[in-house]
Each structure stands twice: as C-alpha cells, then as structure tokens.
Amino acid sequence: MIRRVAIRLVIAALFTFLLTLVANPPVHALQGQSWDFPADDEAAPSWAQDVKDQAADMALFAAFATLALVSFFRKSERLKYVTLAVSVVYLGFTRSQLITIVNVFALTRWNLPPFRHNLAWYLFAVFTLVTTVLWGRLYCGRICAFGAMTQLMDRIVPAKLRFELPSRIEQRAAYIKYGLLGATVLYFLATSDISIYRYVEPFWMFTRVGTTGMWIGLATLLVATVFVRNLYCRFLCPVGAFLGLLSNLTVFRIKRWSECNTCKICEKKCEWGAIRGPKIVASECVRCDDCERLYMDRQKCPHWLILARRSKVAVAAERR
C-alpha cells in the first residue's frame, strides 16, 4: 500500500511538474559563461510548440526513469547494472545531464532557467528530488552517470586490488564531502564565481571541456577508484552530500530484522559504509539493494536460517 502511494506521488510529480526546484543549466553555464537565461516573453513559439519541441527529450528521460524504478523495486541486480550502463551512455556521453554543484549554486540564488524552455531539465530535477525524499539517494546509486561509471568499474576490477578502509577512518572520511559542499557554496556566495565546480567534481568529463591539468586529475581519481571503490561518491562528492542531507527527510526506511542487532553480514557486504551495526545511515545509503537482496535470501540471512531451524525443532517436538 505504501509503495503504491509512493509510486503515484512520483508519477504525479513527474508529469505535472508541480515542483520548480533546481535543474541543470545549459552546457554554456557549466562552462562558466553567462548565467542569463532567455526570458519567457522573448520566445515566439507557443506553449504547445515548446512542449512539442521538447517531447522527445522528456519521453527519453521518462523511459530511463521507468527503467531505474523498475530495477529498484524488483531488486534485480541484472537490471541495476543495465540501468547503470544506460546512465553512462544516455545521461553521460549522449546528453551530458547530471545534477551538479552548479545547480545548488542556482538554488541559493533562485536563478533557475525558464520553466517552459527547459521542461526536460525540470523533469530530471524533480525526479531526483522526489525520489530522494521518498526512498533516499536513489540518484547516487542508479542515475548519476559518473557514479554509474565507477560502479561498473568496480564490477570488473579484481577484488584483490581493492583496499578496504578501516571503518573508523571510513566514517570520518565520509564527512569530507559535506565540508566541500559548505566550502564551495560559501565561495560562490562570496564571489558569484561558478567555475569552482571544475575543481570539486569531475562531471565536466562528459562535456569534454577540461584542461590538461583537469584531465590528469581525473585520471588520478579514476586510478585511485580502482583501489578504493566508489572513492569520489563516498568521500568527495558535494552533490552526494546535498542529497545526503535531503535524504534525512526520507519517509521510507529499509526493513531490518531483530537479528540485525548482532549480525554483521550486511555491514560487511555494504560497499558504501552506510550500515553501522543495526543502523542504516540514510545520508550514506544509495539504495544499491545489496543488503535488501541479502536479507531476503533464505539461504544466507540468519533471520531465515533461525526460523527454519526453529521450524525443524518444532516439527521434531511434535513427532515425539
């Protein structure tokens, strides 16, 4: 029942565009050029013509969003990796659409692009914000093209190359991204310079606008990601920090069994450091589904194994 209501809320939000929050600006804004968007009254075409011109972009994103939600609700690992691959190709290299720190800058000044001329951007932004409030950082776990790329890298990198950070260091390092979020926003508010985004996020790679030094930095980051999985997403991404703060409003919580108070299987399985004992930290969880698939596995999860053992004992007692 809760899931049906949640899905209806998402669909209603997506197709009515009632929320007019932060959206990606055009590529020229990401390149540090003009922040001036064309005024609505400068456009000659009618609303109908504007919608018609943008219908294909909206339909493509709606199809991708549907794939992401289906993979999420079905808890299908195969569909998750299909979604990640589509994200890299479609949102990354084809469309170059990501939620970026530039969007957070725009939100602080309420300097948003005209709604009628950027319907696909608003659809993307609304989807991101609504799903974050409903289920947590779904965007980080499935939608973000850069995060999708590093997760696919992690899939093919030999496990023996990875270095697992001690949990104490991992938990402290997770706060770095919040410091970067606060520092970059304060810098923007003081200087109005959006070019700082180039130095705190690598998403410019999809628009191929980096300098030689920036490409060297990106290569270094990707090499480091081979050894420390999802390095940027876990410890450095200011957008992830922003969505992490927003995810504290999440109305849905991942199911936990009473055995989770002592069992450490899911905690060791979690690649994001989001499980700490019996607690799942909403701001760090990206809804990757690993723990949810595990606790539904009747052959591995202690909850089901204990129930099966109790059932056998009860049957044996009755036979006596």
Protein backbone atom coordinates (compact mmCIF):
# COMPACT_ATOMS: atom_id res chain seq x y z
CA MET A 1 0.00 0.00 0.00
CA ILE A 2 2.79 2.42 0.93
CA ARG A 3 4.67 1.55 -2.25
CA ARG A 4 1.60 2.24 -4.42
CA VAL A 5 1.07 5.62 -2.80
CA ALA A 6 4.74 6.47 -3.24
CA ILE A 7 4.73 5.49 -6.92
CA ARG A 8 1.63 7.58 -7.54
CA LEU A 9 3.28 10.55 -5.87
CA VAL A 10 6.31 10.20 -8.12
CA ILE A 11 4.22 9.86 -11.27
CA ALA A 12 2.09 12.84 -10.31
CA ALA A 13 5.16 14.94 -9.64
CA LEU A 14 6.87 13.89 -12.85
CA PHE A 15 4.03 14.59 -15.19
CA THR A 16 2.55 17.72 -13.65
CA PHE A 17 5.87 19.43 -12.84
CA LEU A 18 4.45 20.99 -9.70
CA LEU A 19 7.89 21.33 -8.18
CA THR A 20 10.06 24.04 -9.71
CA LEU A 21 13.31 23.38 -7.97
CA VAL A 22 16.91 23.25 -9.10
CA ALA A 23 17.61 21.95 -12.60
CA ASN A 24 20.71 21.63 -14.74
CA PRO A 25 21.54 24.80 -16.64
CA PRO A 26 22.57 24.61 -20.28
CA VAL A 27 26.12 23.48 -21.05
CA HIS A 28 27.33 27.06 -21.62
CA ALA A 29 26.52 27.86 -18.00
CA LEU A 30 28.54 24.85 -16.85
CA GLN A 31 31.47 26.25 -18.81
CA GLY A 32 31.47 29.38 -16.69
CA GLN A 33 29.88 31.68 -19.24
CA SER A 34 26.72 33.74 -18.98
CA TRP A 35 24.12 32.98 -16.33
CA ASP A 36 21.47 34.94 -18.21
CA PHE A 37 18.67 32.72 -19.41
CA PRO A 38 16.29 33.88 -22.15
CA ALA A 39 13.13 35.43 -20.77
CA ASP A 40 9.83 33.70 -21.44
CA ASP A 41 8.43 36.69 -23.29
CA GLU A 42 11.31 36.61 -25.80
CA ALA A 43 10.20 33.28 -27.19
CA ALA A 44 7.87 33.46 -30.15
CA PRO A 45 6.65 29.84 -30.11
CA SER A 46 3.56 28.97 -28.12
CA TRP A 47 3.47 26.68 -25.11
CA ALA A 48 2.20 23.86 -27.34
CA GLN A 49 5.12 24.30 -29.70
CA ASP A 50 7.62 24.38 -26.82
CA VAL A 51 6.20 21.15 -25.39
CA LYS A 52 6.24 19.54 -28.82
CA ASP A 53 9.88 20.53 -29.39
CA GLN A 54 10.91 19.02 -26.05
CA ALA A 55 8.63 15.97 -26.14
CA ALA A 56 11.32 13.60 -27.39
CA ASP A 57 13.77 14.57 -24.63
CA MET A 58 11.07 14.22 -21.98
CA ALA A 59 9.95 10.85 -23.35
CA LEU A 60 13.51 9.50 -23.37
CA PHE A 61 14.11 10.56 -19.80
CA ALA A 62 10.73 9.16 -18.71
CA ALA A 63 11.71 5.82 -20.27
CA PHE A 64 15.05 5.86 -18.46
CA ALA A 65 13.40 6.83 -15.16
CA THR A 66 10.96 3.95 -15.60
CA LEU A 67 13.85 1.53 -16.12
CA ALA A 68 15.56 2.84 -12.98
CA LEU A 69 12.41 2.48 -10.87
CA VAL A 70 11.63 -1.00 -12.18
CA SER A 71 15.16 -2.16 -11.38
CA PHE A 72 14.86 -0.58 -7.94
CA PHE A 73 11.51 -2.10 -6.98
CA ARG A 74 12.28 -5.52 -8.42
CA LYS A 75 15.63 -5.57 -6.57
CA SER A 76 17.14 -7.07 -9.69
CA GLU A 77 20.94 -6.97 -9.79
CA ARG A 78 20.94 -7.58 -13.53
CA LEU A 79 18.53 -4.71 -14.19
CA LYS A 80 20.55 -2.47 -11.88
CA TYR A 81 23.67 -2.92 -13.99
CA VAL A 82 21.64 -2.42 -17.17
CA THR A 83 20.43 0.87 -15.68
CA LEU A 84 23.98 1.89 -14.78
CA ALA A 85 25.19 1.18 -18.32
CA VAL A 86 22.31 3.13 -19.86
CA SER A 87 23.03 6.01 -17.48
CA VAL A 88 26.66 6.26 -18.61
CA VAL A 89 25.74 6.20 -22.31
CA TYR A 90 22.50 8.22 -22.22
CA LEU A 91 22.82 10.72 -19.35
CA GLY A 92 26.60 10.83 -19.54
CA PHE A 93 28.07 10.88 -23.01
CA THR A 94 24.88 11.41 -25.06
CA ARG A 95 23.02 14.05 -23.04
CA SER A 96 25.61 15.23 -20.51
CA GLN A 97 22.87 15.65 -17.91
CA LEU A 98 23.85 15.38 -14.26
CA ILE A 99 22.84 17.12 -11.09
CA THR A 100 25.85 19.26 -10.24
CA ILE A 101 27.05 21.71 -7.62
CA VAL A 102 26.18 24.44 -10.14
CA ASN A 103 22.54 23.51 -9.54
CA VAL A 104 23.00 24.03 -5.82
CA PHE A 105 24.52 27.44 -6.59
CA ALA A 106 21.47 28.29 -8.71
CA LEU A 107 19.17 27.20 -5.91
CA THR A 108 20.85 29.53 -3.40
CA ARG A 109 20.14 32.50 -5.70
CA TRP A 110 16.91 31.06 -7.10
CA ASN A 111 18.45 31.69 -10.52
CA LEU A 112 16.66 28.93 -12.39
CA PRO A 113 16.22 28.55 -16.16
CA PRO A 114 12.78 29.45 -17.61
CA PHE A 115 10.43 26.58 -16.95
CA ARG A 116 8.73 26.34 -20.34
CA HIS A 117 12.02 26.21 -22.25
CA ASN A 118 13.67 23.59 -20.02
CA LEU A 119 10.94 21.04 -19.33
CA ALA A 120 13.26 18.03 -19.67
CA TRP A 121 15.70 19.57 -17.18
CA TYR A 122 12.92 20.15 -14.65
CA LEU A 123 11.65 16.61 -15.18
CA PHE A 124 15.12 15.33 -14.35
CA ALA A 125 15.50 17.56 -11.29
CA VAL A 126 12.03 16.80 -9.94
CA PHE A 127 12.62 13.08 -10.36
CA THR A 128 15.89 13.37 -8.42
CA LEU A 129 14.44 15.39 -5.55
CA VAL A 130 11.18 13.45 -5.21
CA THR A 131 12.86 10.03 -5.27
CA THR A 132 15.42 11.24 -2.72
CA VAL A 133 12.68 12.31 -0.33
CA LEU A 134 10.71 9.10 -0.87
CA TRP A 135 13.50 6.50 -0.89
CA GLY A 136 16.86 8.13 -0.24
CA ARG A 137 19.83 8.64 -2.55
CA LEU A 138 18.42 6.63 -5.46
CA TYR A 139 20.01 9.19 -7.80
CA CYS A 140 23.50 8.41 -6.50
CA GLY A 141 23.00 4.67 -6.70
CA ARG A 142 21.46 4.43 -10.16
CA ILE A 143 21.06 7.70 -12.04
CA CYS A 144 24.30 9.71 -11.80
CA ALA A 145 26.39 8.86 -14.87
CA PHE A 146 29.73 9.31 -13.11
CA GLY A 147 28.67 7.17 -10.16
CA ALA A 148 27.30 4.58 -12.58
CA MET A 149 30.64 4.51 -14.40
CA THR A 150 32.63 3.91 -11.21
CA GLN A 151 30.22 1.19 -10.09
CA LEU A 152 30.66 -0.56 -13.44
CA MET A 153 34.43 -0.20 -12.99
CA ASP A 154 34.10 -1.80 -9.57
CA ARG A 155 32.26 -4.70 -11.18
CA ILE A 156 35.19 -5.60 -13.43
CA VAL A 157 38.15 -4.67 -11.20
CA PRO A 158 39.67 -7.75 -9.47
CA ALA A 159 38.76 -7.80 -5.78
CA LYS A 160 42.38 -8.43 -4.82
CA LEU A 161 43.30 -4.89 -5.96
CA ARG A 162 40.85 -3.19 -3.60
CA PHE A 163 41.83 -1.70 -0.29
CA GLU A 164 39.15 -1.65 2.38
CA LEU A 165 39.41 1.34 4.68
CA PRO A 166 39.07 0.70 8.41
CA SER A 167 35.52 1.57 9.45
CA ARG A 168 36.71 4.29 11.82
CA ILE A 169 38.59 6.08 9.02
CA GLU A 170 35.77 5.46 6.54
CA GLN A 171 33.18 7.09 8.80
CA ARG A 172 35.34 10.16 9.32
CA ALA A 173 36.25 10.45 5.63
CA ALA A 174 32.54 10.49 4.76
CA TYR A 175 32.32 13.98 6.28
CA ILE A 176 34.79 15.41 3.75
CA LYS A 177 32.08 15.78 1.11
CA TYR A 178 29.97 17.87 3.50
CA GLY A 179 32.94 20.15 4.08
CA LEU A 180 33.40 20.52 0.32
CA LEU A 181 29.70 21.29 -0.11
CA GLY A 182 29.79 24.01 2.53
CA ALA A 183 33.09 25.48 1.31
CA THR A 184 32.07 25.67 -2.35
CA VAL A 185 28.66 27.17 -1.58
CA LEU A 186 30.24 29.80 0.67
CA TYR A 187 32.83 30.55 -2.03
CA PHE A 188 30.07 31.01 -4.60
CA LEU A 189 28.01 33.25 -2.31
CA ALA A 190 31.08 35.41 -1.70
CA THR A 191 32.34 35.60 -5.29
CA SER A 192 29.45 34.56 -7.60
CA ASP A 193 32.07 32.50 -9.46
CA ILE A 194 30.66 29.16 -10.63
CA SER A 195 33.95 27.99 -12.16
CA ILE A 196 34.85 26.44 -8.80
CA TYR A 197 32.73 23.46 -9.86
CA ARG A 198 35.59 22.30 -12.12
CA TYR A 199 37.76 21.66 -9.08
CA VAL A 200 35.30 19.79 -6.87
CA GLU A 201 33.51 17.49 -9.32
CA PRO A 202 34.61 15.56 -12.43
CA PHE A 203 31.29 15.69 -14.28
CA TRP A 204 32.73 18.05 -16.88
CA MET A 205 34.33 14.96 -18.42
CA PHE A 206 31.06 14.21 -20.21
CA THR A 207 31.13 17.60 -21.96
CA ARG A 208 34.88 17.24 -22.64
CA VAL A 209 35.72 20.82 -21.58
CA GLY A 210 38.62 20.06 -19.23
CA THR A 211 42.16 21.41 -19.38
CA THR A 212 45.23 19.15 -19.45
CA GLY A 213 45.64 19.55 -15.70
CA MET A 214 41.99 18.65 -15.11
CA TRP A 215 42.27 15.51 -17.25
CA ILE A 216 45.36 14.46 -15.31
CA GLY A 217 43.44 14.99 -12.07
CA LEU A 218 40.53 12.94 -13.41
CA ALA A 219 42.84 10.11 -14.45
CA THR A 220 44.39 10.13 -10.97
CA LEU A 221 40.94 9.97 -9.38
CA LEU A 222 39.87 7.03 -11.57
CA VAL A 223 43.09 5.14 -10.83
CA ALA A 224 42.53 5.72 -7.10
CA THR A 225 38.98 4.42 -7.55
CA VAL A 226 40.40 1.10 -8.70
CA PHE A 227 41.90 0.61 -5.24
CA VAL A 228 39.24 2.35 -3.11
CA ARG A 229 35.82 1.59 -4.51
CA ASN A 230 33.48 4.50 -5.27
CA LEU A 231 36.06 6.87 -3.81
CA TYR A 232 34.62 10.11 -5.16
CA CYS A 233 30.97 9.27 -4.48
CA ARG A 234 31.62 8.13 -0.92
CA PHE A 235 34.01 10.80 0.27
CA LEU A 236 34.26 13.79 -2.08
CA CYS A 237 31.01 14.48 -3.98
CA PRO A 238 29.29 17.72 -2.82
CA VAL A 239 26.12 16.81 -4.71
CA GLY A 240 26.06 13.50 -2.86
CA ALA A 241 26.39 15.49 0.37
CA PHE A 242 23.46 17.72 -0.63
CA LEU A 243 21.27 14.73 -1.45
CA GLY A 244 22.50 13.02 1.71
CA LEU A 245 21.19 15.93 3.78
CA LEU A 246 17.91 15.81 1.86
CA SER A 247 17.63 12.05 2.38
CA ASN A 248 17.22 12.63 6.10
CA LEU A 249 13.64 13.57 5.15
CA THR A 250 13.14 10.15 3.57
CA VAL A 251 9.77 8.68 4.51
CA PHE A 252 10.78 5.09 3.69
CA ARG A 253 13.17 3.01 5.76
CA ILE A 254 14.88 -0.23 4.77
CA LYS A 255 13.47 -3.23 6.61
CA ARG A 256 15.59 -4.68 9.41
CA TRP A 257 15.24 -7.91 11.35
CA SER A 258 15.77 -8.27 15.09
CA GLU A 259 18.84 -10.38 14.28
CA CYS A 260 20.41 -7.30 12.64
CA ASN A 261 21.28 -6.07 16.14
CA THR A 262 24.12 -8.58 16.30
CA CYS A 263 24.63 -9.87 12.75
CA LYS A 264 27.43 -8.20 10.76
CA ILE A 265 26.86 -9.82 7.35
CA CYS A 266 25.10 -6.83 5.74
CA GLU A 267 27.52 -4.39 7.35
CA LYS A 268 30.45 -6.20 5.74
CA LYS A 269 28.56 -6.50 2.45
CA CYS A 270 27.78 -2.78 2.21
CA GLU A 271 30.20 -1.08 -0.19
CA TRP A 272 29.16 2.42 0.88
CA GLY A 273 29.77 2.29 4.61
CA ALA A 274 26.10 3.00 5.24
CA ILE A 275 25.43 0.15 7.68
CA ARG A 276 26.74 0.60 11.19
CA GLY A 277 25.60 -2.23 13.40
CA PRO A 278 21.79 -2.40 13.36
CA LYS A 279 21.53 1.13 11.94
CA ILE A 280 21.42 2.14 8.27
CA VAL A 281 22.64 5.73 7.87
CA ALA A 282 20.17 7.29 5.41
CA SER A 283 22.55 10.05 4.33
CA GLU A 284 25.16 7.49 3.18
CA CYS A 285 22.85 4.82 1.74
CA VAL A 286 22.50 4.95 -2.07
CA ARG A 287 19.86 2.20 -2.28
CA CYS A 288 22.18 -0.24 -4.06
CA ASP A 289 19.93 -3.16 -2.96
CA ASP A 290 22.80 -5.40 -1.82
CA CYS A 291 21.65 -5.66 1.79
CA GLU A 292 18.00 -5.93 0.76
CA ARG A 293 18.73 -8.86 -1.55
CA LEU A 294 20.78 -10.43 1.22
CA TYR A 295 18.14 -10.22 3.92
CA MET A 296 15.60 -11.74 1.52
CA ASP A 297 17.95 -14.65 0.79
CA ARG A 298 16.65 -17.62 2.78
CA GLN A 299 19.93 -19.46 2.32
CA LYS A 300 22.24 -16.74 3.68
CA CYS A 301 20.34 -14.40 6.01
CA PRO A 302 20.46 -15.58 9.66
CA HIS A 303 16.87 -14.42 10.16
CA TRP A 304 15.53 -17.07 7.79
CA LEU A 305 18.04 -19.71 8.91
CA ILE A 306 16.97 -19.26 12.53
CA LEU A 307 13.30 -19.50 11.55
CA ALA A 308 13.99 -22.66 9.55
CA ARG A 309 15.84 -24.20 12.48
CA ARG A 310 13.02 -23.33 14.88
CA SER A 311 10.54 -24.87 12.47
CA LYS A 312 12.53 -28.09 12.32
CA VAL A 313 12.77 -28.22 16.11
CA ALA A 314 9.01 -27.65 16.40
CA VAL A 315 8.27 -30.42 13.89
CA ALA A 316 10.62 -32.79 15.68
CA ALA A 317 8.98 -31.99 19.02
CA GLU A 318 5.52 -32.71 17.62
CA ARG A 319 6.64 -36.10 16.30
CA ARG A 320 7.78 -37.05 19.75
